[in-house]
Amino acid sequence: MCGGSTDADKTFVFPAATVRMPDCTFCGCPVEAHDPVFVSDSPDEDPTAQFCNYGCLAAHIDEAGLATGTACEWSPGQ
């Protein structure tokens, strides 16, 4: 993976029909009232977080700085 990430850094997204969790990890709203997204650290584990939709997931990623330092290295001289 780009940026030196390892398999341990991956997050897996599950279809909403496969799991049931009550509240959004980001905003606290009931996820079942929206278009939920469930995530896990492993494809074989139960979800570790849930979000109303991709908007809440994206806001969570931004607020927690989860994408910081994960991009490939680049400089203008390349």
Protein backbone atom coordinates (compact mmCIF):
# COMPACT_ATOMS: atom_id res chain seq x y z
CA MET A 1 0.00 0.00 0.00
CA CYS A 2 1.14 3.55 -0.68
CA GLY A 3 2.78 5.53 2.13
CA GLY A 4 4.18 2.53 3.97
CA SER A 5 0.84 1.27 5.24
CA THR A 6 0.53 -2.36 6.28
CA ASP A 7 -2.38 -4.77 6.41
CA ALA A 8 -2.88 -3.74 10.02
CA ASP A 9 -3.78 -0.23 8.80
CA LYS A 10 -6.69 -1.40 6.65
CA THR A 11 -10.33 -0.84 7.53
CA PHE A 12 -13.07 -2.99 6.05
CA VAL A 13 -16.53 -1.64 5.20
CA PHE A 14 -19.51 -3.96 5.64
CA PRO A 15 -22.92 -3.73 3.92
CA ALA A 16 -25.59 -2.39 6.26
CA ALA A 17 -27.73 -5.53 5.99
CA THR A 18 -25.10 -7.71 7.65
CA VAL A 19 -24.93 -5.97 11.05
CA ARG A 20 -27.04 -3.95 13.48
CA MET A 21 -25.60 -1.19 15.67
CA PRO A 22 -27.69 1.58 17.19
CA ASP A 23 -25.72 4.85 17.17
CA CYS A 24 -23.34 6.63 14.82
CA THR A 25 -19.76 6.68 16.08
CA PHE A 26 -19.41 10.27 14.86
CA CYS A 27 -22.72 12.07 15.57
CA GLY A 28 -24.60 9.68 17.88
CA CYS A 29 -27.75 9.43 15.72
CA PRO A 30 -29.42 6.05 15.17
CA VAL A 31 -27.68 4.65 12.09
CA GLU A 32 -30.65 2.54 10.99
CA ALA A 33 -32.57 5.74 10.21
CA HIS A 34 -30.01 6.62 7.53
CA ASP A 35 -27.83 4.89 4.93
CA PRO A 36 -25.36 3.30 7.40
CA VAL A 37 -21.75 2.31 6.89
CA PHE A 38 -20.10 -0.22 9.22
CA VAL A 39 -16.33 -0.59 9.54
CA SER A 40 -14.00 -3.13 11.13
CA ASP A 41 -10.26 -3.61 11.53
CA SER A 42 -10.52 -7.10 10.00
CA PRO A 43 -12.83 -8.69 7.43
CA ASP A 44 -13.49 -11.58 9.83
CA GLU A 45 -14.43 -9.50 12.89
CA ASP A 46 -17.59 -7.74 13.95
CA PRO A 47 -17.74 -4.04 13.07
CA THR A 48 -15.85 -1.76 15.43
CA ALA A 49 -17.57 1.47 14.33
CA GLN A 50 -20.72 2.56 12.55
CA PHE A 51 -21.72 5.76 10.76
CA CYS A 52 -25.00 7.24 9.47
CA ASN A 53 -23.54 7.50 5.98
CA TYR A 54 -20.28 8.22 4.20
CA GLY A 55 -20.59 11.90 5.21
CA CYS A 56 -20.26 11.04 8.92
CA LEU A 57 -17.46 8.59 8.11
CA ALA A 58 -15.59 11.29 6.15
CA ALA A 59 -16.12 13.85 8.93
CA HIS A 60 -14.81 11.34 11.49
CA ILE A 61 -11.72 10.68 9.36
CA ASP A 62 -11.05 14.42 9.02
CA GLU A 63 -11.67 15.26 12.69
CA ALA A 64 -9.54 12.38 13.99
CA GLY A 65 -6.74 13.08 11.46
CA LEU A 66 -6.82 9.47 10.30
CA ALA A 67 -5.57 10.30 6.80
CA THR A 68 -2.62 12.38 8.01
CA GLY A 69 0.65 10.88 6.84
CA THR A 70 -0.95 8.18 4.70
CA ALA A 71 -0.35 9.73 1.26
CA CYS A 72 2.54 8.81 -0.99
CA GLU A 73 5.56 11.05 -0.80
CA TRP A 74 5.69 13.69 -3.48
CA SER A 75 7.74 16.79 -4.10
CA PRO A 76 7.51 19.40 -6.85
CA GLY A 77 10.87 18.32 -8.25
CA GLN A 78 9.66 14.84 -9.13
